[in-house]
Amino acid sequence: MELRGHLDLLLLGTLRRTEPAHGYALIVALRDQSDGTFDLPEGTVYPALHRLERDGLVSSEWDAGASRRRRVYRLTPSGVSALTTKRREWRTFARAVQAILGPDVTEVPA
């Protein structure tokens, strides 16, 4: 499934539900919450998390309390605001696409 343009929204939304979370936990949550549709490789998720952190939408810190040291991510106030904006944009986009496509046509007319 093509995620171009939607990965940030998916990561921010998943992080909002699961924070604080390390990268692998986000990968598992995305896969589980989407019934396997978004089974993303680490090479896709971690660069996106680093970009979101660079852009000030997430923050991270090392969690040494686990069995092994790992980076834990949280939304920043700017990230919460960006998530709100991206959700609104997604809903507008989805409504417009649905208006063009119309109802799901699974049956062929006789």
PDB file of N, CA and C in Angstrom:
ATOM      1  N   MET A   1       0.844  -1.178   0.000  1.00  0.00           N
ATOM      2  CA  MET A   1       0.000   0.000   0.000  1.00  0.00           C
ATOM      3  C   MET A   1       0.888   1.238   0.000  1.00  0.00           C
ATOM      4  N   GLU A   2       0.571   2.174  -0.841  1.00  0.00           N
ATOM      5  CA  GLU A   2       1.326   3.418  -0.961  1.00  0.00           C
ATOM      6  C   GLU A   2       1.003   4.341   0.205  1.00  0.00           C
ATOM      7  N   LEU A   3       2.034   4.778   0.915  1.00  0.00           N
ATOM      8  CA  LEU A   3       1.843   5.638   2.090  1.00  0.00           C
ATOM      9  C   LEU A   3       2.340   7.056   1.875  1.00  0.00           C
ATOM     10  N   ARG A   4       2.866   7.344   0.716  1.00  0.00           N
ATOM     11  CA  ARG A   4       3.430   8.660   0.472  1.00  0.00           C
ATOM     12  C   ARG A   4       2.428   9.750   0.863  1.00  0.00           C
ATOM     13  N   GLY A   5       2.854  10.645   1.725  1.00  0.00           N
ATOM     14  CA  GLY A   5       1.992  11.734   2.161  1.00  0.00           C
ATOM     15  C   GLY A   5       1.124  11.397   3.361  1.00  0.00           C
ATOM     16  N   HIS A   6       1.083  10.132   3.770  1.00  0.00           N
ATOM     17  CA  HIS A   6       0.208   9.738   4.879  1.00  0.00           C
ATOM     18  C   HIS A   6       0.962   9.151   6.067  1.00  0.00           C
ATOM     19  N   LEU A   7       2.235   8.860   5.897  1.00  0.00           N
ATOM     20  CA  LEU A   7       2.998   8.220   6.963  1.00  0.00           C
ATOM     21  C   LEU A   7       3.060   9.093   8.210  1.00  0.00           C
ATOM     22  N   ASP A   8       3.264  10.389   8.046  1.00  0.00           N
ATOM     23  CA  ASP A   8       3.326  11.278   9.214  1.00  0.00           C
ATOM     24  C   ASP A   8       2.024  11.224  10.004  1.00  0.00           C
ATOM     25  N   LEU A   9       0.905  11.296   9.306  1.00  0.00           N
ATOM     26  CA  LEU A   9      -0.399  11.231   9.968  1.00  0.00           C
ATOM     27  C   LEU A   9      -0.547   9.912  10.721  1.00  0.00           C
ATOM     28  N   LEU A  10      -0.181   8.810  10.093  1.00  0.00           N
ATOM     29  CA  LEU A  10      -0.299   7.504  10.735  1.00  0.00           C
ATOM     30  C   LEU A  10       0.599   7.401  11.966  1.00  0.00           C
ATOM     31  N   LEU A  11       1.825   7.883  11.867  1.00  0.00           N
ATOM     32  CA  LEU A  11       2.733   7.828  13.004  1.00  0.00           C
ATOM     33  C   LEU A  11       2.272   8.741  14.138  1.00  0.00           C
ATOM     34  N   LEU A  12       1.873   9.951  13.811  1.00  0.00           N
ATOM     35  CA  LEU A  12       1.404  10.877  14.847  1.00  0.00           C
ATOM     36  C   LEU A  12       0.161  10.326  15.535  1.00  0.00           C
ATOM     37  N   GLY A  13      -0.774   9.791  14.755  1.00  0.00           N
ATOM     38  CA  GLY A  13      -2.000   9.230  15.323  1.00  0.00           C
ATOM     39  C   GLY A  13      -1.735   8.011  16.197  1.00  0.00           C
ATOM     40  N   THR A  14      -0.838   7.155  15.754  1.00  0.00           N
ATOM     41  CA  THR A  14      -0.495   5.967  16.535  1.00  0.00           C
ATOM     42  C   THR A  14       0.240   6.367  17.800  1.00  0.00           C
ATOM     43  N   LEU A  15       1.138   7.316  17.676  1.00  0.00           N
ATOM     44  CA  LEU A  15       1.876   7.779  18.848  1.00  0.00           C
ATOM     45  C   LEU A  15       0.940   8.423  19.863  1.00  0.00           C
ATOM     46  N   ARG A  16      -0.059   9.132  19.386  1.00  0.00           N
ATOM     47  CA  ARG A  16      -1.035   9.751  20.293  1.00  0.00           C
ATOM     48  C   ARG A  16      -1.740   8.684  21.136  1.00  0.00           C
ATOM     49  N   ARG A  17      -2.017   7.525  20.541  1.00  0.00           N
ATOM     50  CA  ARG A  17      -2.701   6.440  21.257  1.00  0.00           C
ATOM     51  C   ARG A  17      -1.783   5.659  22.178  1.00  0.00           C
ATOM     52  N   THR A  18      -0.493   5.567  21.823  1.00  0.00           N
ATOM     53  CA  THR A  18       0.388   4.639  22.526  1.00  0.00           C
ATOM     54  C   THR A  18       1.500   5.305  23.327  1.00  0.00           C
ATOM     55  N   GLU A  19       1.600   6.641  23.266  1.00  0.00           N
ATOM     56  CA  GLU A  19       2.785   7.279  23.866  1.00  0.00           C
ATOM     57  C   GLU A  19       2.863   7.073  25.363  1.00  0.00           C
ATOM     58  N   PRO A  20       4.049   7.037  25.900  1.00  0.00           N
ATOM     59  CA  PRO A  20       5.317   7.013  25.175  1.00  0.00           C
ATOM     60  C   PRO A  20       5.533   5.648  24.529  1.00  0.00           C
ATOM     61  N   ALA A  21       6.250   5.626  23.422  1.00  0.00           N
ATOM     62  CA  ALA A  21       6.470   4.355  22.719  1.00  0.00           C
ATOM     63  C   ALA A  21       7.814   4.381  22.003  1.00  0.00           C
ATOM     64  N   HIS A  22       8.447   3.241  21.957  1.00  0.00           N
ATOM     65  CA  HIS A  22       9.667   3.117  21.167  1.00  0.00           C
ATOM     66  C   HIS A  22       9.275   2.752  19.740  1.00  0.00           C
ATOM     67  N   GLY A  23      10.212   2.897  18.831  1.00  0.00           N
ATOM     68  CA  GLY A  23       9.926   2.715  17.413  1.00  0.00           C
ATOM     69  C   GLY A  23       9.315   1.375  17.064  1.00  0.00           C
ATOM     70  N   TYR A  24       9.852   0.296  17.616  1.00  0.00           N
ATOM     71  CA  TYR A  24       9.309  -1.015  17.277  1.00  0.00           C
ATOM     72  C   TYR A  24       7.874  -1.162  17.772  1.00  0.00           C
ATOM     73  N   ALA A  25       7.565  -0.586  18.946  1.00  0.00           N
ATOM     74  CA  ALA A  25       6.184  -0.639  19.454  1.00  0.00           C
ATOM     75  C   ALA A  25       5.242   0.094  18.504  1.00  0.00           C
ATOM     76  N   LEU A  26       5.711   1.170  17.902  1.00  0.00           N
ATOM     77  CA  LEU A  26       4.884   1.895  16.923  1.00  0.00           C
ATOM     78  C   LEU A  26       4.650   1.043  15.678  1.00  0.00           C
ATOM     79  N   ILE A  27       5.683   0.336  15.246  1.00  0.00           N
ATOM     80  CA  ILE A  27       5.552  -0.549  14.082  1.00  0.00           C
ATOM     81  C   ILE A  27       4.508  -1.626  14.361  1.00  0.00           C
ATOM     82  N   VAL A  28       4.586  -2.234  15.543  1.00  0.00           N
ATOM     83  CA  VAL A  28       3.625  -3.276  15.922  1.00  0.00           C
ATOM     84  C   VAL A  28       2.217  -2.696  16.027  1.00  0.00           C
ATOM     85  N   ALA A  29       2.077  -1.516  16.640  1.00  0.00           N
ATOM     86  CA  ALA A  29       0.756  -0.897  16.788  1.00  0.00           C
ATOM     87  C   ALA A  29       0.151  -0.563  15.428  1.00  0.00           C
ATOM     88  N   LEU A  30       0.953  -0.032  14.516  1.00  0.00           N
ATOM     89  CA  LEU A  30       0.450   0.254  13.167  1.00  0.00           C
ATOM     90  C   LEU A  30      -0.040  -1.015  12.484  1.00  0.00           C
ATOM     91  N   ARG A  31       0.736  -2.071  12.594  1.00  0.00           N
ATOM     92  CA  ARG A  31       0.356  -3.346  11.974  1.00  0.00           C
ATOM     93  C   ARG A  31      -0.918  -3.900  12.611  1.00  0.00           C
ATOM     94  N   ASP A  32      -0.961  -3.905  13.952  1.00  0.00           N
ATOM     95  CA  ASP A  32      -2.108  -4.482  14.653  1.00  0.00           C
ATOM     96  C   ASP A  32      -3.378  -3.672  14.443  1.00  0.00           C
ATOM     97  N   GLN A  33      -3.284  -2.355  14.542  1.00  0.00           N
ATOM     98  CA  GLN A  33      -4.473  -1.505  14.413  1.00  0.00           C
ATOM     99  C   GLN A  33      -5.021  -1.480  12.989  1.00  0.00           C
ATOM    100  N   SER A  34      -4.190  -1.847  12.012  1.00  0.00           N
ATOM    101  CA  SER A  34      -4.644  -1.844  10.619  1.00  0.00           C
ATOM    102  C   SER A  34      -4.895  -3.256  10.095  1.00  0.00           C
ATOM    103  N   ASP A  35      -4.968  -4.234  10.999  1.00  0.00           N
ATOM    104  CA  ASP A  35      -5.153  -5.633  10.602  1.00  0.00           C
ATOM    105  C   ASP A  35      -4.126  -6.068   9.562  1.00  0.00           C
ATOM    106  N   GLY A  36      -2.883  -5.603   9.738  1.00  0.00           N
ATOM    107  CA  GLY A  36      -1.794  -6.031   8.876  1.00  0.00           C
ATOM    108  C   GLY A  36      -1.588  -5.212   7.624  1.00  0.00           C
ATOM    109  N   THR A  37      -2.471  -4.269   7.339  1.00  0.00           N
ATOM    110  CA  THR A  37      -2.329  -3.465   6.123  1.00  0.00           C
ATOM    111  C   THR A  37      -1.060  -2.635   6.164  1.00  0.00           C
ATOM    112  N   PHE A  38      -0.749  -2.054   7.329  1.00  0.00           N
ATOM    113  CA  PHE A  38       0.443  -1.219   7.474  1.00  0.00           C
ATOM    114  C   PHE A  38       1.517  -1.992   8.235  1.00  0.00           C
ATOM    115  N   ASP A  39       2.125  -2.944   7.569  1.00  0.00           N
ATOM    116  CA  ASP A  39       3.226  -3.731   8.122  1.00  0.00           C
ATOM    117  C   ASP A  39       4.509  -3.119   7.581  1.00  0.00           C
ATOM    118  N   LEU A  40       4.967  -2.073   8.251  1.00  0.00           N
ATOM    119  CA  LEU A  40       6.047  -1.252   7.726  1.00  0.00           C
ATOM    120  C   LEU A  40       7.411  -1.701   8.232  1.00  0.00           C
ATOM    121  N   PRO A  41       8.406  -1.636   7.371  1.00  0.00           N
ATOM    122  CA  PRO A  41       9.762  -1.992   7.798  1.00  0.00           C
ATOM    123  C   PRO A  41      10.378  -0.879   8.643  1.00  0.00           C
ATOM    124  N   GLU A  42      11.339  -1.263   9.472  1.00  0.00           N
ATOM    125  CA  GLU A  42      12.036  -0.296  10.314  1.00  0.00           C
ATOM    126  C   GLU A  42      12.670   0.802   9.470  1.00  0.00           C
ATOM    127  N   GLY A  43      13.140   0.450   8.288  1.00  0.00           N
ATOM    128  CA  GLY A  43      13.785   1.413   7.398  1.00  0.00           C
ATOM    129  C   GLY A  43      12.851   2.481   6.876  1.00  0.00           C
ATOM    130  N   THR A  44      11.566   2.313   7.059  1.00  0.00           N
ATOM    131  CA  THR A  44      10.579   3.329   6.705  1.00  0.00           C
ATOM    132  C   THR A  44      10.207   4.152   7.932  1.00  0.00           C
ATOM    133  N   VAL A  45      10.004   3.489   9.047  1.00  0.00           N
ATOM    134  CA  VAL A  45       9.483   4.148  10.249  1.00  0.00           C
ATOM    135  C   VAL A  45      10.531   5.009  10.948  1.00  0.00           C
ATOM    136  N   TYR A  46      11.726   4.466  11.165  1.00  0.00           N
ATOM    137  CA  TYR A  46      12.727   5.217  11.926  1.00  0.00           C
ATOM    138  C   TYR A  46      13.166   6.513  11.246  1.00  0.00           C
ATOM    139  N   PRO A  47      13.405   6.532   9.942  1.00  0.00           N
ATOM    140  CA  PRO A  47      13.730   7.811   9.308  1.00  0.00           C
ATOM    141  C   PRO A  47      12.583   8.827   9.433  1.00  0.00           C
ATOM    142  N   ALA A  48      11.345   8.337   9.355  1.00  0.00           N
ATOM    143  CA  ALA A  48      10.202   9.243   9.510  1.00  0.00           C
ATOM    144  C   ALA A  48      10.142   9.793  10.932  1.00  0.00           C
ATOM    145  N   LEU A  49      10.403   8.950  11.931  1.00  0.00           N
ATOM    146  CA  LEU A  49      10.424   9.436  13.316  1.00  0.00           C
ATOM    147  C   LEU A  49      11.524  10.463  13.522  1.00  0.00           C
ATOM    148  N   HIS A  50      12.686  10.232  12.936  1.00  0.00           N
ATOM    149  CA  HIS A  50      13.786  11.197  13.054  1.00  0.00           C
ATOM    150  C   HIS A  50      13.414  12.525  12.392  1.00  0.00           C
ATOM    151  N   ARG A  51      12.741  12.466  11.249  1.00  0.00           N
ATOM    152  CA  ARG A  51      12.296  13.682  10.563  1.00  0.00           C
ATOM    153  C   ARG A  51      11.262  14.421  11.402  1.00  0.00           C
ATOM    154  N   LEU A  52      10.296  13.669  11.986  1.00  0.00           N
ATOM    155  CA  LEU A  52       9.279  14.296  12.835  1.00  0.00           C
ATOM    156  C   LEU A  52       9.922  14.937  14.061  1.00  0.00           C
ATOM    157  N   GLU A  53      10.960  14.301  14.575  1.00  0.00           N
ATOM    158  CA  GLU A  53      11.668  14.882  15.713  1.00  0.00           C
ATOM    159  C   GLU A  53      12.417  16.146  15.289  1.00  0.00           C
ATOM    160  N   ARG A  54      13.088  16.085  14.162  1.00  0.00           N
ATOM    161  CA  ARG A  54      13.799  17.256  13.642  1.00  0.00           C
ATOM    162  C   ARG A  54      12.844  18.427  13.406  1.00  0.00           C
ATOM    163  N   ASP A  55      11.616  18.101  12.984  1.00  0.00           N
ATOM    164  CA  ASP A  55      10.609  19.135  12.722  1.00  0.00           C
ATOM    165  C   ASP A  55       9.900  19.605  13.991  1.00  0.00           C
ATOM    166  N   GLY A  56      10.250  19.024  15.141  1.00  0.00           N
ATOM    167  CA  GLY A  56       9.677  19.450  16.415  1.00  0.00           C
ATOM    168  C   GLY A  56       8.306  18.869  16.724  1.00  0.00           C
ATOM    169  N   LEU A  57       7.875  17.849  15.989  1.00  0.00           N
ATOM    170  CA  LEU A  57       6.553  17.262  16.199  1.00  0.00           C
ATOM    171  C   LEU A  57       6.579  16.124  17.209  1.00  0.00           C
ATOM    172  N   VAL A  58       7.727  15.494  17.380  1.00  0.00           N
ATOM    173  CA  VAL A  58       7.905  14.484  18.418  1.00  0.00           C
ATOM    174  C   VAL A  58       9.214  14.786  19.146  1.00  0.00           C
ATOM    175  N   SER A  59       9.284  14.305  20.359  1.00  0.00           N
ATOM    176  CA  SER A  59      10.535  14.374  21.115  1.00  0.00           C
ATOM    177  C   SER A  59      10.894  12.952  21.498  1.00  0.00           C
ATOM    178  N   SER A  60      12.138  12.749  21.865  1.00  0.00           N
ATOM    179  CA  SER A  60      12.547  11.412  22.263  1.00  0.00           C
ATOM    180  C   SER A  60      13.577  11.500  23.373  1.00  0.00           C
ATOM    181  N   GLU A  61      13.681  10.397  24.080  1.00  0.00           N
ATOM    182  CA  GLU A  61      14.702  10.275  25.115  1.00  0.00           C
ATOM    183  C   GLU A  61      15.048   8.798  25.238  1.00  0.00           C
ATOM    184  N   TRP A  62      16.208   8.526  25.774  1.00  0.00           N
ATOM    185  CA  TRP A  62      16.628   7.150  25.973  1.00  0.00           C
ATOM    186  C   TRP A  62      15.977   6.589  27.214  1.00  0.00           C
ATOM    187  N   ASP A  63      15.425   5.388  27.087  1.00  0.00           N
ATOM    188  CA  ASP A  63      14.833   4.675  28.227  1.00  0.00           C
ATOM    189  C   ASP A  63      15.788   3.550  28.607  1.00  0.00           C
ATOM    190  N   ALA A  64      16.465   3.744  29.714  1.00  0.00           N
ATOM    191  CA  ALA A  64      17.414   2.728  30.163  1.00  0.00           C
ATOM    192  C   ALA A  64      16.752   1.739  31.109  1.00  0.00           C
ATOM    193  N   GLY A  65      15.482   1.941  31.443  1.00  0.00           N
ATOM    194  CA  GLY A  65      14.783   1.077  32.390  1.00  0.00           C
ATOM    195  C   GLY A  65      14.397  -0.272  31.819  1.00  0.00           C
ATOM    196  N   ALA A  66      14.370  -0.404  30.519  1.00  0.00           N
ATOM    197  CA  ALA A  66      14.002  -1.677  29.889  1.00  0.00           C
ATOM    198  C   ALA A  66      15.208  -2.609  29.899  1.00  0.00           C
ATOM    199  N   SER A  67      15.011  -3.825  29.452  1.00  0.00           N
ATOM    200  CA  SER A  67      16.098  -4.806  29.426  1.00  0.00           C
ATOM    201  C   SER A  67      17.252  -4.341  28.537  1.00  0.00           C
ATOM    202  N   ARG A  68      16.924  -3.548  27.529  1.00  0.00           N
ATOM    203  CA  ARG A  68      17.969  -2.943  26.708  1.00  0.00           C
ATOM    204  C   ARG A  68      17.596  -1.487  26.437  1.00  0.00           C
ATOM    205  N   ARG A  69      18.574  -0.687  26.250  1.00  0.00           N
ATOM    206  CA  ARG A  69      18.373   0.743  26.049  1.00  0.00           C
ATOM    207  C   ARG A  69      17.670   1.001  24.717  1.00  0.00           C
ATOM    208  N   ARG A  70      16.627   1.820  24.747  1.00  0.00           N
ATOM    209  CA  ARG A  70      15.925   2.166  23.508  1.00  0.00           C
ATOM    210  C   ARG A  70      15.370   3.573  23.582  1.00  0.00           C
ATOM    211  N   ARG A  71      15.131   4.129  22.415  1.00  0.00           N
ATOM    212  CA  ARG A  71      14.635   5.494  22.296  1.00  0.00           C
ATOM    213  C   ARG A  71      13.117   5.467  22.415  1.00  0.00           C
ATOM    214  N   VAL A  72      12.568   6.359  23.237  1.00  0.00           N
ATOM    215  CA  VAL A  72      11.129   6.441  23.458  1.00  0.00           C
ATOM    216  C   VAL A  72      10.643   7.788  22.923  1.00  0.00           C
ATOM    217  N   TYR A  73       9.557   7.747  22.173  1.00  0.00           N
ATOM    218  CA  TYR A  73       9.031   8.936  21.492  1.00  0.00           C
ATOM    219  C   TYR A  73       7.741   9.410  22.143  1.00  0.00           C
ATOM    220  N   ARG A  74       7.546  10.736  22.110  1.00  0.00           N
ATOM    221  CA  ARG A  74       6.323  11.384  22.593  1.00  0.00           C
ATOM    222  C   ARG A  74       5.960  12.512  21.629  1.00  0.00           C
ATOM    223  N   LEU A  75       4.672  12.808  21.568  1.00  0.00           N
ATOM    224  CA  LEU A  75       4.238  13.974  20.804  1.00  0.00           C
ATOM    225  C   LEU A  75       4.601  15.243  21.567  1.00  0.00           C
ATOM    226  N   THR A  76       4.985  16.251  20.842  1.00  0.00           N
ATOM    227  CA  THR A  76       5.175  17.573  21.426  1.00  0.00           C
ATOM    228  C   THR A  76       3.862  18.342  21.252  1.00  0.00           C
ATOM    229  N   PRO A  77       3.710  19.493  21.897  1.00  0.00           N
ATOM    230  CA  PRO A  77       2.515  20.312  21.628  1.00  0.00           C
ATOM    231  C   PRO A  77       2.361  20.636  20.142  1.00  0.00           C
ATOM    232  N   SER A  78       3.467  20.879  19.457  1.00  0.00           N
ATOM    233  CA  SER A  78       3.392  21.125  18.004  1.00  0.00           C
ATOM    234  C   SER A  78       2.929  19.879  17.264  1.00  0.00           C
ATOM    235  N   GLY A  79       3.313  18.709  17.757  1.00  0.00           N
ATOM    236  CA  GLY A  79       2.881  17.454  17.151  1.00  0.00           C
ATOM    237  C   GLY A  79       1.389  17.227  17.311  1.00  0.00           C
ATOM    238  N   VAL A  80       0.859  17.581  18.491  1.00  0.00           N
ATOM    239  CA  VAL A  80      -0.590  17.461  18.727  1.00  0.00           C
ATOM    240  C   VAL A  80      -1.333  18.390  17.773  1.00  0.00           C
ATOM    241  N   SER A  81      -0.827  19.600  17.619  1.00  0.00           N
ATOM    242  CA  SER A  81      -1.443  20.563  16.707  1.00  0.00           C
ATOM    243  C   SER A  81      -1.372  20.072  15.260  1.00  0.00           C
ATOM    244  N   ALA A  82      -0.228  19.546  14.867  1.00  0.00           N
ATOM    245  CA  ALA A  82      -0.073  19.019  13.505  1.00  0.00           C
ATOM    246  C   ALA A  82      -1.004  17.843  13.269  1.00  0.00           C
ATOM    247  N   LEU A  83      -1.163  16.985  14.275  1.00  0.00           N
ATOM    248  CA  LEU A  83      -2.076  15.849  14.147  1.00  0.00           C
ATOM    249  C   LEU A  83      -3.499  16.336  13.935  1.00  0.00           C
ATOM    250  N   THR A  84      -3.919  17.327  14.681  1.00  0.00           N
ATOM    251  CA  THR A  84      -5.257  17.885  14.521  1.00  0.00           C
ATOM    252  C   THR A  84      -5.461  18.417  13.103  1.00  0.00           C
ATOM    253  N   THR A  85      -4.479  19.151  12.606  1.00  0.00           N
ATOM    254  CA  THR A  85      -4.561  19.709  11.251  1.00  0.00           C
ATOM    255  C   THR A  85      -4.577  18.602  10.204  1.00  0.00           C
ATOM    256  N   LYS A  86      -3.687  17.628  10.351  1.00  0.00           N
ATOM    257  CA  LYS A  86      -3.609  16.536   9.374  1.00  0.00           C
ATOM    258  C   LYS A  86      -4.870  15.676   9.388  1.00  0.00           C
ATOM    259  N   ARG A  87      -5.483  15.482  10.554  1.00  0.00           N
ATOM    260  CA  ARG A  87      -6.756  14.746  10.622  1.00  0.00           C
ATOM    261  C   ARG A  87      -7.848  15.487   9.859  1.00  0.00           C
ATOM    262  N   ARG A  88      -7.924  16.790  10.065  1.00  0.00           N
ATOM    263  CA  ARG A  88      -8.927  17.610   9.378  1.00  0.00           C
ATOM    264  C   ARG A  88      -8.716  17.530   7.868  1.00  0.00           C
ATOM    265  N   GLU A  89      -7.471  17.654   7.432  1.00  0.00           N
ATOM    266  CA  GLU A  89      -7.165  17.582   5.999  1.00  0.00           C
ATOM    267  C   GLU A  89      -7.530  16.203   5.437  1.00  0.00           C
ATOM    268  N   TRP A  90      -7.240  15.145   6.203  1.00  0.00           N
ATOM    269  CA  TRP A  90      -7.557  13.789   5.759  1.00  0.00           C
ATOM    270  C   TRP A  90      -9.061  13.619   5.604  1.00  0.00           C
ATOM    271  N   ARG A  91      -9.826  14.082   6.580  1.00  0.00           N
ATOM    272  CA  ARG A  91     -11.289  13.936   6.505  1.00  0.00           C
ATOM    273  C   ARG A  91     -11.853  14.680   5.301  1.00  0.00           C
ATOM    274  N   THR A  92     -11.344  15.870   5.034  1.00  0.00           N
ATOM    275  CA  THR A  92     -11.790  16.632   3.863  1.00  0.00           C
ATOM    276  C   THR A  92     -11.459  15.872   2.583  1.00  0.00           C
ATOM    277  N   PHE A  93     -10.242  15.365   2.499  1.00  0.00           N
ATOM    278  CA  PHE A  93      -9.806  14.605   1.337  1.00  0.00           C
ATOM    279  C   PHE A  93     -10.661  13.351   1.151  1.00  0.00           C
ATOM    280  N   ALA A  94     -10.877  12.595   2.235  1.00  0.00           N
ATOM    281  CA  ALA A  94     -11.647  11.356   2.157  1.00  0.00           C
ATOM    282  C   ALA A  94     -13.089  11.620   1.727  1.00  0.00           C
ATOM    283  N   ARG A  95     -13.698  12.680   2.249  1.00  0.00           N
ATOM    284  CA  ARG A  95     -15.067  13.027   1.833  1.00  0.00           C
ATOM    285  C   ARG A  95     -15.119  13.374   0.350  1.00  0.00           C
ATOM    286  N   ALA A  96     -14.127  14.119  -0.125  1.00  0.00           N
ATOM    287  CA  ALA A  96     -14.110  14.509  -1.534  1.00  0.00           C
ATOM    288  C   ALA A  96     -13.932  13.294  -2.441  1.00  0.00           C
ATOM    289  N   VAL A  97     -13.049  12.376  -2.056  1.00  0.00           N
ATOM    290  CA  VAL A  97     -12.857  11.159  -2.845  1.00  0.00           C
ATOM    291  C   VAL A  97     -14.134  10.332  -2.844  1.00  0.00           C
ATOM    292  N   GLN A  98     -14.755  10.190  -1.679  1.00  0.00           N
ATOM    293  CA  GLN A  98     -15.995   9.419  -1.588  1.00  0.00           C
ATOM    294  C   GLN A  98     -17.092  10.041  -2.452  1.00  0.00           C
ATOM    295  N   ALA A  99     -17.148  11.359  -2.496  1.00  0.00           N
ATOM    296  CA  ALA A  99     -18.153  12.033  -3.325  1.00  0.00           C
ATOM    297  C   ALA A  99     -17.930  11.723  -4.803  1.00  0.00           C
ATOM    298  N   ILE A 100     -16.676  11.608  -5.200  1.00  0.00           N
ATOM    299  CA  ILE A 100     -16.378  11.312  -6.598  1.00  0.00           C
ATOM    300  C   ILE A 100     -16.604   9.841  -6.915  1.00  0.00           C
ATOM    301  N   LEU A 101     -16.171   8.962  -6.020  1.00  0.00           N
ATOM    302  CA  LEU A 101     -16.291   7.526  -6.282  1.00  0.00           C
ATOM    303  C   LEU A 101     -17.701   7.006  -6.088  1.00  0.00           C
ATOM    304  N   GLY A 102     -18.454   7.640  -5.215  1.00  0.00           N
ATOM    305  CA  GLY A 102     -19.807   7.189  -4.921  1.00  0.00           C
ATOM    306  C   GLY A 102     -19.779   5.968  -4.027  1.00  0.00           C
ATOM    307  N   PRO A 103     -20.943   5.357  -3.834  1.00  0.00           N
ATOM    308  CA  PRO A 103     -21.035   4.189  -2.951  1.00  0.00           C
ATOM    309  C   PRO A 103     -20.230   3.020  -3.530  1.00  0.00           C
ATOM    310  N   ASP A 104     -19.852   2.129  -2.646  1.00  0.00           N
ATOM    311  CA  ASP A 104     -19.111   0.938  -3.039  1.00  0.00           C
ATOM    312  C   ASP A 104     -19.999   0.067  -3.920  1.00  0.00           C
ATOM    313  N   VAL A 105     -19.527  -0.214  -5.098  1.00  0.00           N
ATOM    314  CA  VAL A 105     -20.299  -1.035  -6.040  1.00  0.00           C
ATOM    315  C   VAL A 105     -19.617  -2.399  -6.105  1.00  0.00           C
ATOM    316  N   THR A 106     -20.183  -3.346  -5.363  1.00  0.00           N
ATOM    317  CA  THR A 106     -19.605  -4.686  -5.357  1.00  0.00           C
ATOM    318  C   THR A 106     -20.425  -5.663  -6.182  1.00  0.00           C
ATOM    319  N   GLU A 107     -21.635  -5.281  -6.530  1.00  0.00           N
ATOM    320  CA  GLU A 107     -22.486  -6.158  -7.325  1.00  0.00           C
ATOM    321  C   GLU A 107     -22.623  -5.602  -8.734  1.00  0.00           C
ATOM    322  N   VAL A 108     -22.593  -6.506  -9.689  1.00  0.00           N
ATOM    323  CA  VAL A 108     -22.779  -6.107 -11.063  1.00  0.00           C
ATOM    324  C   VAL A 108     -24.261  -6.090 -11.357  1.00  0.00           C
ATOM    325  N   PRO A 109     -24.806  -4.975 -11.912  1.00  0.00           N
ATOM    326  CA  PRO A 109     -26.239  -4.932 -12.204  1.00  0.00           C
ATOM    327  C   PRO A 109     -26.627  -6.010 -13.210  1.00  0.00           C
ATOM    328  N   ALA A 110     -27.795  -6.553 -13.030  1.00  0.00           N
ATOM    329  CA  ALA A 110     -28.280  -7.611 -13.917  1.00  0.00           C
ATOM    330  C   ALA A 110     -28.830  -7.059 -15.196  1.00  0.00           C
TER     331      ALA A 110
END
